[in-house]
Amino acid sequence: MSNASPPGKPPQDPPSFEDIPIAERETVVETVQKPRSFTWLWWLGGLTAITLLSAGGWFAYQASQVRTPEIAASPTASPSPTPASDGRLLNHYPYQEAPQSELEAITADGGIRLRSSAARAFREMEEAARAEGIILNPLSGFRSIKEQEQVYFDVKAEREQTPQERALVSAPPGHSEHHTGYAIDIGDGNVPATNLSPDFDQTPAFKWLQDNAARFNFEISFPKGNKQGVTYEPWHWRFVGDKNSLETFYRAKEDQKESSPAPSP
């Protein structure tokens, strides 16, 4: 059939959207809108995927920035001095404390004491020196281990010395010749400014001791360049005039020789 309009009638316009029945109109709307729904779903899916990927990348980056904290190494403490095989500590030999019953005062106030044999010998030496115008002034004699702790540790702390530095001029407790009751520190009564000083070796008293101390069985304990490595002490002398005193000081030296390795051929 021809779609041409009958002769004599004007052509009719196609029906408008408003002329379409409501039921049919809804069908058309749904048909038109379906493609848009699928488009938005694709967009939402894409955005969600991008968001998830971005979040995953951010967390991965943050995880890569986490570092295991470094544990600082604890400082190594300086090793404490240990006694040598012959009992020496910081180059000083061990000595037993003299019994109180064997000590005898050599000063009027009783503040300085020696073993009886050493006390008698010192008084004789003192009198002989005085006869020649020399005054041998006793500065220190017997010293207990407790007293030596004060001399060693308190002075070390006051002067901020290491144990090795302090041992150059003072023996550790239990390793002082003063424990024996045979050792004595001597000064020049006419030149007191040199007491306990290396300058004591410039005094008349020291020169007299060099020439005469052996007659009374006294000897200098720490001469210059002594093998023990103790600082030179011209004021420090010891009595070696009986069996016990001789063994006290020289047996320690013999033990040192025995414990020392034999020299290479």
C-alpha atoms as a PDB file:
ATOM      1  CA  MET A   1       0.000   0.000   0.000  1.00  0.00           C
ATOM      2  CA  SER A   2       1.044   3.532  -0.694  1.00  0.00           C
ATOM      3  CA  ASN A   3       1.614   5.832   2.201  1.00  0.00           C
ATOM      4  CA  ALA A   4       0.637   8.857   0.192  1.00  0.00           C
ATOM      5  CA  SER A   5      -2.185  10.951   1.568  1.00  0.00           C
ATOM      6  CA  PRO A   6      -5.543  10.763  -0.220  1.00  0.00           C
ATOM      7  CA  PRO A   7      -6.111  13.499  -2.738  1.00  0.00           C
ATOM      8  CA  GLY A   8      -7.671  16.525  -1.331  1.00  0.00           C
ATOM      9  CA  LYS A   9      -6.407  15.893   2.311  1.00  0.00           C
ATOM     10  CA  PRO A  10      -3.472  17.617   3.747  1.00  0.00           C
ATOM     11  CA  PRO A  11      -0.604  15.357   4.869  1.00  0.00           C
ATOM     12  CA  GLN A  12      -0.661  14.366   8.558  1.00  0.00           C
ATOM     13  CA  ASP A  13       2.327  14.973  10.852  1.00  0.00           C
ATOM     14  CA  PRO A  14       3.756  11.940  12.653  1.00  0.00           C
ATOM     15  CA  PRO A  15       2.369  11.523  16.177  1.00  0.00           C
ATOM     16  CA  SER A  16       4.306  13.406  18.855  1.00  0.00           C
ATOM     17  CA  PHE A  17       5.696  11.814  22.009  1.00  0.00           C
ATOM     18  CA  GLU A  18       2.762  13.216  23.962  1.00  0.00           C
ATOM     19  CA  ASP A  19       0.363  11.363  21.655  1.00  0.00           C
ATOM     20  CA  ILE A  20       1.922   7.982  22.542  1.00  0.00           C
ATOM     21  CA  PRO A  21      -0.086   6.086  25.161  1.00  0.00           C
ATOM     22  CA  ILE A  22       1.478   6.123  28.638  1.00  0.00           C
ATOM     23  CA  ALA A  23       2.132   2.379  28.678  1.00  0.00           C
ATOM     24  CA  GLU A  24       3.956   2.557  25.383  1.00  0.00           C
ATOM     25  CA  ARG A  25       5.745   5.761  26.460  1.00  0.00           C
ATOM     26  CA  GLU A  26       7.169   4.048  29.572  1.00  0.00           C
ATOM     27  CA  THR A  27       8.399   1.199  27.441  1.00  0.00           C
ATOM     28  CA  VAL A  28      10.197   3.629  25.203  1.00  0.00           C
ATOM     29  CA  VAL A  29      11.747   5.493  28.162  1.00  0.00           C
ATOM     30  CA  GLU A  30      13.030   2.304  29.695  1.00  0.00           C
ATOM     31  CA  THR A  31      14.469   1.258  26.388  1.00  0.00           C
ATOM     32  CA  VAL A  32      16.257   4.569  25.974  1.00  0.00           C
ATOM     33  CA  GLN A  33      17.631   4.740  29.532  1.00  0.00           C
ATOM     34  CA  LYS A  34      19.111   1.231  29.734  1.00  0.00           C
ATOM     35  CA  PRO A  35      22.277   2.046  27.842  1.00  0.00           C
ATOM     36  CA  ARG A  36      22.917   4.986  30.234  1.00  0.00           C
ATOM     37  CA  SER A  37      22.700   2.672  33.292  1.00  0.00           C
ATOM     38  CA  PHE A  38      25.326   0.358  31.838  1.00  0.00           C
ATOM     39  CA  THR A  39      27.577   3.349  31.070  1.00  0.00           C
ATOM     40  CA  TRP A  40      27.422   4.622  34.651  1.00  0.00           C
ATOM     41  CA  LEU A  41      28.130   1.160  35.994  1.00  0.00           C
ATOM     42  CA  TRP A  42      31.274   0.986  33.877  1.00  0.00           C
ATOM     43  CA  TRP A  43      32.357   4.394  35.109  1.00  0.00           C
ATOM     44  CA  LEU A  44      31.749   3.460  38.739  1.00  0.00           C
ATOM     45  CA  GLY A  45      33.628   0.195  38.340  1.00  0.00           C
ATOM     46  CA  GLY A  46      36.569   1.958  36.763  1.00  0.00           C
ATOM     47  CA  LEU A  47      36.713   4.604  39.462  1.00  0.00           C
ATOM     48  CA  THR A  48      36.512   1.941  42.178  1.00  0.00           C
ATOM     49  CA  ALA A  49      39.349  -0.019  40.589  1.00  0.00           C
ATOM     50  CA  ILE A  50      41.495   3.104  40.288  1.00  0.00           C
ATOM     51  CA  THR A  51      40.774   4.008  43.912  1.00  0.00           C
ATOM     52  CA  LEU A  52      41.702   0.527  45.124  1.00  0.00           C
ATOM     53  CA  LEU A  53      44.881   0.504  43.077  1.00  0.00           C
ATOM     54  CA  SER A  54      45.840   3.935  44.391  1.00  0.00           C
ATOM     55  CA  ALA A  55      45.166   2.907  47.986  1.00  0.00           C
ATOM     56  CA  GLY A  56      47.186  -0.273  47.528  1.00  0.00           C
ATOM     57  CA  GLY A  57      50.080   1.701  46.119  1.00  0.00           C
ATOM     58  CA  TRP A  58      49.934   4.168  49.023  1.00  0.00           C
ATOM     59  CA  PHE A  59      50.010   1.388  51.633  1.00  0.00           C
ATOM     60  CA  ALA A  60      52.847  -0.329  49.799  1.00  0.00           C
ATOM     61  CA  TYR A  61      54.820   2.924  49.808  1.00  0.00           C
ATOM     62  CA  GLN A  62      54.206   3.452  53.522  1.00  0.00           C
ATOM     63  CA  ALA A  63      55.298  -0.101  54.276  1.00  0.00           C
ATOM     64  CA  SER A  64      58.501   0.435  52.329  1.00  0.00           C
ATOM     65  CA  GLN A  65      59.282   3.465  54.518  1.00  0.00           C
ATOM     66  CA  VAL A  66      59.121   1.505  57.771  1.00  0.00           C
ATOM     67  CA  ARG A  67      62.630   0.671  58.916  1.00  0.00           C
ATOM     68  CA  THR A  68      63.707  -1.678  61.581  1.00  0.00           C
ATOM     69  CA  PRO A  69      65.154   0.460  64.390  1.00  0.00           C
ATOM     70  CA  GLU A  70      68.864   0.040  64.767  1.00  0.00           C
ATOM     71  CA  ILE A  71      69.944  -1.242  68.155  1.00  0.00           C
ATOM     72  CA  ALA A  72      72.870   0.778  69.403  1.00  0.00           C
ATOM     73  CA  ALA A  73      75.748  -1.316  70.588  1.00  0.00           C
ATOM     74  CA  SER A  74      76.214  -1.012  74.329  1.00  0.00           C
ATOM     75  CA  PRO A  75      79.552   0.563  75.283  1.00  0.00           C
ATOM     76  CA  THR A  76      82.279  -1.851  76.283  1.00  0.00           C
ATOM     77  CA  ALA A  77      83.389  -1.301  79.830  1.00  0.00           C
ATOM     78  CA  SER A  78      87.059  -0.897  80.450  1.00  0.00           C
ATOM     79  CA  PRO A  79      88.492  -4.108  81.886  1.00  0.00           C
ATOM     80  CA  SER A  80      89.395  -3.944  85.566  1.00  0.00           C
ATOM     81  CA  PRO A  81      93.042  -4.548  86.472  1.00  0.00           C
ATOM     82  CA  THR A  82      93.673  -8.183  87.378  1.00  0.00           C
ATOM     83  CA  PRO A  83      96.533  -9.576  89.461  1.00  0.00           C
ATOM     84  CA  ALA A  84      99.493 -11.097  87.613  1.00  0.00           C
ATOM     85  CA  SER A  85     100.555 -14.708  88.134  1.00  0.00           C
ATOM     86  CA  ASP A  86     102.949 -13.607  90.897  1.00  0.00           C
ATOM     87  CA  GLY A  87     100.222 -11.671  92.705  1.00  0.00           C
ATOM     88  CA  ARG A  88     101.248  -8.239  91.489  1.00  0.00           C
ATOM     89  CA  LEU A  89      98.521  -5.691  90.850  1.00  0.00           C
ATOM     90  CA  LEU A  90      99.465  -2.694  88.719  1.00  0.00           C
ATOM     91  CA  ASN A  91     103.138  -3.631  89.303  1.00  0.00           C
ATOM     92  CA  HIS A  92     102.797  -3.723  93.102  1.00  0.00           C
ATOM     93  CA  TYR A  93     103.390  -6.905  95.103  1.00  0.00           C
ATOM     94  CA  PRO A  94     100.881  -8.157  97.673  1.00  0.00           C
ATOM     95  CA  TYR A  95     101.826  -7.739 101.331  1.00  0.00           C
ATOM     96  CA  GLN A  96     100.318  -8.958 104.581  1.00  0.00           C
ATOM     97  CA  GLU A  97      99.307  -6.424 107.197  1.00  0.00           C
ATOM     98  CA  ALA A  98     101.621  -6.435 110.208  1.00  0.00           C
ATOM     99  CA  PRO A  99     100.117  -7.578 113.526  1.00  0.00           C
ATOM    100  CA  GLN A 100      99.284  -4.675 115.814  1.00  0.00           C
ATOM    101  CA  SER A 101     101.174  -6.388 118.635  1.00  0.00           C
ATOM    102  CA  GLU A 102     104.460  -6.083 116.714  1.00  0.00           C
ATOM    103  CA  LEU A 103     104.216  -2.355 116.024  1.00  0.00           C
ATOM    104  CA  GLU A 104     106.149   0.280 117.966  1.00  0.00           C
ATOM    105  CA  ALA A 105     105.897   4.080 117.877  1.00  0.00           C
ATOM    106  CA  ILE A 106     108.842   6.110 116.552  1.00  0.00           C
ATOM    107  CA  THR A 107     107.329   9.560 117.180  1.00  0.00           C
ATOM    108  CA  ALA A 108     106.409  11.231 120.446  1.00  0.00           C
ATOM    109  CA  ASP A 109     102.702  11.379 119.592  1.00  0.00           C
ATOM    110  CA  GLY A 110     102.646   7.707 118.624  1.00  0.00           C
ATOM    111  CA  GLY A 111     101.200   8.531 115.212  1.00  0.00           C
ATOM    112  CA  ILE A 112     103.930   6.773 113.218  1.00  0.00           C
ATOM    113  CA  ARG A 113     104.766   3.149 113.969  1.00  0.00           C
ATOM    114  CA  LEU A 114     107.070   0.437 112.624  1.00  0.00           C
ATOM    115  CA  ARG A 115     107.727  -3.159 113.505  1.00  0.00           C
ATOM    116  CA  SER A 116     109.899  -3.382 116.590  1.00  0.00           C
ATOM    117  CA  SER A 117     113.085  -4.371 114.743  1.00  0.00           C
ATOM    118  CA  ALA A 118     112.642  -1.607 112.167  1.00  0.00           C
ATOM    119  CA  ALA A 119     111.724   0.951 114.848  1.00  0.00           C
ATOM    120  CA  ARG A 120     114.932   0.297 116.802  1.00  0.00           C
ATOM    121  CA  ALA A 121     117.060   0.517 113.659  1.00  0.00           C
ATOM    122  CA  PHE A 122     115.437   3.787 112.589  1.00  0.00           C
ATOM    123  CA  ARG A 123     115.993   5.427 115.979  1.00  0.00           C
ATOM    124  CA  GLU A 124     119.662   4.483 115.807  1.00  0.00           C
ATOM    125  CA  MET A 125     119.960   5.876 112.277  1.00  0.00           C
ATOM    126  CA  GLU A 126     118.109   9.034 113.297  1.00  0.00           C
ATOM    127  CA  GLU A 127     120.533   9.653 116.157  1.00  0.00           C
ATOM    128  CA  ALA A 128     123.563   9.096 113.932  1.00  0.00           C
ATOM    129  CA  ALA A 129     122.262  11.578 111.357  1.00  0.00           C
ATOM    130  CA  ARG A 130     121.433  14.176 114.002  1.00  0.00           C
ATOM    131  CA  ALA A 131     124.987  13.962 115.270  1.00  0.00           C
ATOM    132  CA  GLU A 132     126.040  15.232 111.838  1.00  0.00           C
ATOM    133  CA  GLY A 133     123.457  18.002 111.692  1.00  0.00           C
ATOM    134  CA  ILE A 134     120.973  16.013 109.592  1.00  0.00           C
ATOM    135  CA  ILE A 135     117.353  15.758 110.690  1.00  0.00           C
ATOM    136  CA  LEU A 136     115.597  12.634 109.394  1.00  0.00           C
ATOM    137  CA  ASN A 137     111.922  13.463 109.722  1.00  0.00           C
ATOM    138  CA  PRO A 138     109.598  10.399 109.677  1.00  0.00           C
ATOM    139  CA  LEU A 139     106.525  11.170 107.571  1.00  0.00           C
ATOM    140  CA  SER A 140     104.695   7.839 107.376  1.00  0.00           C
ATOM    141  CA  GLY A 141     105.238   4.322 108.662  1.00  0.00           C
ATOM    142  CA  PHE A 142     102.835   1.413 109.087  1.00  0.00           C
ATOM    143  CA  ARG A 143      99.598   1.821 107.168  1.00  0.00           C
ATOM    144  CA  SER A 144      96.622  -0.523 107.436  1.00  0.00           C
ATOM    145  CA  ILE A 145      94.765  -1.785 104.394  1.00  0.00           C
ATOM    146  CA  LYS A 146      91.802   0.407 105.354  1.00  0.00           C
ATOM    147  CA  GLU A 147      94.035   3.479 105.528  1.00  0.00           C
ATOM    148  CA  GLN A 148      95.558   2.555 102.174  1.00  0.00           C
ATOM    149  CA  GLU A 149      92.083   2.486 100.638  1.00  0.00           C
ATOM    150  CA  GLN A 150      91.701   6.165 101.506  1.00  0.00           C
ATOM    151  CA  VAL A 151      95.176   7.022 100.227  1.00  0.00           C
ATOM    152  CA  TYR A 152      94.575   5.186  96.962  1.00  0.00           C
ATOM    153  CA  PHE A 153      90.881   5.572  96.099  1.00  0.00           C
ATOM    154  CA  ASP A 154      90.053   8.955  97.631  1.00  0.00           C
ATOM    155  CA  VAL A 155      93.067  10.695  96.132  1.00  0.00           C
ATOM    156  CA  LYS A 156      92.503   8.920  92.800  1.00  0.00           C
ATOM    157  CA  ALA A 157      88.954  10.291  92.661  1.00  0.00           C
ATOM    158  CA  GLU A 158      90.034  13.762  93.764  1.00  0.00           C
ATOM    159  CA  ARG A 159      92.714  13.937  91.075  1.00  0.00           C
ATOM    160  CA  GLU A 160      90.542  12.152  88.468  1.00  0.00           C
ATOM    161  CA  GLN A 161      93.234   9.545  87.896  1.00  0.00           C
ATOM    162  CA  THR A 162      92.881   6.130  86.294  1.00  0.00           C
ATOM    163  CA  PRO A 163      93.904   3.089  88.389  1.00  0.00           C
ATOM    164  CA  GLN A 164      97.079   2.859  86.318  1.00  0.00           C
ATOM    165  CA  GLU A 165      97.944   6.516  86.865  1.00  0.00           C
ATOM    166  CA  ARG A 166      97.319   6.320  90.594  1.00  0.00           C
ATOM    167  CA  ALA A 167      99.392   3.135  90.902  1.00  0.00           C
ATOM    168  CA  LEU A 168     102.454   4.974  89.622  1.00  0.00           C
ATOM    169  CA  VAL A 169     102.654   6.876  92.911  1.00  0.00           C
ATOM    170  CA  SER A 170     100.528   4.849  95.338  1.00  0.00           C
ATOM    171  CA  ALA A 171     100.012   1.112  95.754  1.00  0.00           C
ATOM    172  CA  PRO A 172      96.517  -0.393  95.682  1.00  0.00           C
ATOM    173  CA  PRO A 173      95.176  -1.608  99.043  1.00  0.00           C
ATOM    174  CA  GLY A 174      96.793  -4.897 100.028  1.00  0.00           C
ATOM    175  CA  HIS A 175      99.844  -4.148  97.866  1.00  0.00           C
ATOM    176  CA  SER A 176     101.651  -1.426  99.817  1.00  0.00           C
ATOM    177  CA  GLU A 177     104.999  -1.942 101.539  1.00  0.00           C
ATOM    178  CA  HIS A 178     103.605   0.180 104.356  1.00  0.00           C
ATOM    179  CA  HIS A 179     101.347  -2.744 105.350  1.00  0.00           C
ATOM    180  CA  THR A 180     104.416  -4.698 106.451  1.00  0.00           C
ATOM    181  CA  GLY A 181     105.538  -2.271 109.148  1.00  0.00           C
ATOM    182  CA  TYR A 182     109.022  -2.225 107.599  1.00  0.00           C
ATOM    183  CA  ALA A 183     108.590   0.726 105.208  1.00  0.00           C
ATOM    184  CA  ILE A 184     108.958   4.400 106.085  1.00  0.00           C
ATOM    185  CA  ASP A 185     108.723   7.734 104.281  1.00  0.00           C
ATOM    186  CA  ILE A 186     111.484  10.132 105.335  1.00  0.00           C
ATOM    187  CA  GLY A 187     111.825  13.895 104.885  1.00  0.00           C
ATOM    188  CA  ASP A 188     114.501  16.465 105.634  1.00  0.00           C
ATOM    189  CA  GLY A 189     113.585  18.347 108.805  1.00  0.00           C
ATOM    190  CA  ASN A 190     115.640  21.284 107.588  1.00  0.00           C
ATOM    191  CA  VAL A 191     114.010  21.396 104.134  1.00  0.00           C
ATOM    192  CA  PRO A 192     110.334  20.432 104.718  1.00  0.00           C
ATOM    193  CA  ALA A 193     109.254  21.882 101.357  1.00  0.00           C
ATOM    194  CA  THR A 194     110.727  18.794  99.680  1.00  0.00           C
ATOM    195  CA  ASN A 195     108.669  16.292 101.686  1.00  0.00           C
ATOM    196  CA  LEU A 196     107.256  13.537  99.459  1.00  0.00           C
ATOM    197  CA  SER A 197     108.759  15.243  96.413  1.00  0.00           C
ATOM    198  CA  PRO A 198     111.350  14.083  93.884  1.00  0.00           C
ATOM    199  CA  ASP A 199     113.308  17.160  94.950  1.00  0.00           C
ATOM    200  CA  PHE A 200     114.037  15.376  98.218  1.00  0.00           C
ATOM    201  CA  ASP A 201     117.001  13.784  96.453  1.00  0.00           C
ATOM    202  CA  GLN A 202     118.617  17.233  96.409  1.00  0.00           C
ATOM    203  CA  THR A 203     118.600  17.570 100.200  1.00  0.00           C
ATOM    204  CA  PRO A 204     121.388  16.847 102.710  1.00  0.00           C
ATOM    205  CA  ALA A 205     119.150  14.222 104.341  1.00  0.00           C
ATOM    206  CA  PHE A 206     118.891  12.178 101.141  1.00  0.00           C
ATOM    207  CA  LYS A 207     122.605  12.383 100.472  1.00  0.00           C
ATOM    208  CA  TRP A 208     123.275  11.213 104.018  1.00  0.00           C
ATOM    209  CA  LEU A 209     120.881   8.273 103.561  1.00  0.00           C
ATOM    210  CA  GLN A 210     122.601   7.275 100.333  1.00  0.00           C
ATOM    211  CA  ASP A 211     125.910   7.064 102.181  1.00  0.00           C
ATOM    212  CA  ASN A 212     124.761   5.609 105.498  1.00  0.00           C
ATOM    213  CA  ALA A 213     121.342   3.895 105.338  1.00  0.00           C
ATOM    214  CA  ALA A 214     122.818   0.490 104.499  1.00  0.00           C
ATOM    215  CA  ARG A 215     124.679   0.488 107.844  1.00  0.00           C
ATOM    216  CA  PHE A 216     121.309   0.411 109.554  1.00  0.00           C
ATOM    217  CA  ASN A 217     119.784  -2.090 107.109  1.00  0.00           C
ATOM    218  CA  PHE A 218     117.622   0.400 105.238  1.00  0.00           C
ATOM    219  CA  GLU A 219     117.429   0.659 101.455  1.00  0.00           C
ATOM    220  CA  ILE A 220     115.477   2.762  98.969  1.00  0.00           C
ATOM    221  CA  SER A 221     112.448   0.875  97.672  1.00  0.00           C
ATOM    222  CA  PHE A 222     111.849   2.552  94.318  1.00  0.00           C
ATOM    223  CA  PRO A 223     115.039   3.982  92.792  1.00  0.00           C
ATOM    224  CA  LYS A 224     115.118   5.537  89.345  1.00  0.00           C
ATOM    225  CA  GLY A 225     114.375   3.035  86.596  1.00  0.00           C
ATOM    226  CA  ASN A 226     113.198   0.315  89.014  1.00  0.00           C
ATOM    227  CA  LYS A 227     111.989  -2.896  87.368  1.00  0.00           C
ATOM    228  CA  GLN A 228     108.573  -2.682  88.970  1.00  0.00           C
ATOM    229  CA  GLY A 229     107.828   0.413  86.934  1.00  0.00           C
ATOM    230  CA  VAL A 230     106.859   2.431  90.016  1.00  0.00           C
ATOM    231  CA  THR A 231     107.543   6.168  89.992  1.00  0.00           C
ATOM    232  CA  TYR A 232     110.852   7.169  91.527  1.00  0.00           C
ATOM    233  CA  GLU A 233     110.370   7.814  95.266  1.00  0.00           C
ATOM    234  CA  PRO A 234     113.564   9.051  96.955  1.00  0.00           C
ATOM    235  CA  TRP A 235     111.711   9.434 100.268  1.00  0.00           C
ATOM    236  CA  HIS A 236     110.478   5.801 100.497  1.00  0.00           C
ATOM    237  CA  TRP A 237     112.811   3.429 102.371  1.00  0.00           C
ATOM    238  CA  ARG A 238     112.410  -0.061 103.849  1.00  0.00           C
ATOM    239  CA  PHE A 239     114.077  -2.120 106.542  1.00  0.00           C
ATOM    240  CA  VAL A 240     115.664  -5.430 105.484  1.00  0.00           C
ATOM    241  CA  GLY A 241     117.664  -6.206 108.634  1.00  0.00           C
ATOM    242  CA  ASP A 242     116.095  -9.494 109.791  1.00  0.00           C
ATOM    243  CA  LYS A 243     114.907 -12.777 108.301  1.00  0.00           C
ATOM    244  CA  ASN A 244     111.251 -11.850 108.093  1.00  0.00           C
ATOM    245  CA  SER A 245     111.809  -8.453 106.468  1.00  0.00           C
ATOM    246  CA  LEU A 246     114.314  -9.888 103.991  1.00  0.00           C
ATOM    247  CA  GLU A 247     111.920 -12.662 102.963  1.00  0.00           C
ATOM    248  CA  THR A 248     109.009 -10.237 102.795  1.00  0.00           C
ATOM    249  CA  PHE A 249     110.643  -8.118 100.106  1.00  0.00           C
ATOM    250  CA  TYR A 250     113.094 -10.388  98.325  1.00  0.00           C
ATOM    251  CA  ARG A 251     110.986 -13.499  98.097  1.00  0.00           C
ATOM    252  CA  ALA A 252     108.535 -11.434  96.077  1.00  0.00           C
ATOM    253  CA  LYS A 253     111.355 -10.548  93.689  1.00  0.00           C
ATOM    254  CA  GLU A 254     112.403 -14.184  93.407  1.00  0.00           C
ATOM    255  CA  ASP A 255     108.821 -15.170  92.634  1.00  0.00           C
ATOM    256  CA  GLN A 256     108.798 -12.549  89.887  1.00  0.00           C
ATOM    257  CA  LYS A 257     111.917 -14.044  88.295  1.00  0.00           C
ATOM    258  CA  GLU A 258     110.456 -17.561  88.411  1.00  0.00           C
ATOM    259  CA  SER A 259     107.184 -16.474  86.821  1.00  0.00           C
ATOM    260  CA  SER A 260     108.933 -14.501  84.067  1.00  0.00           C
ATOM    261  CA  PRO A 261     109.477 -16.388  80.761  1.00  0.00           C
ATOM    262  CA  ALA A 262     113.011 -17.488  80.026  1.00  0.00           C
ATOM    263  CA  PRO A 263     114.837 -15.238  77.545  1.00  0.00           C
ATOM    264  CA  SER A 264     115.077 -16.524  73.987  1.00  0.00           C
ATOM    265  CA  PRO A 265     118.517 -17.944  73.067  1.00  0.00           C
END
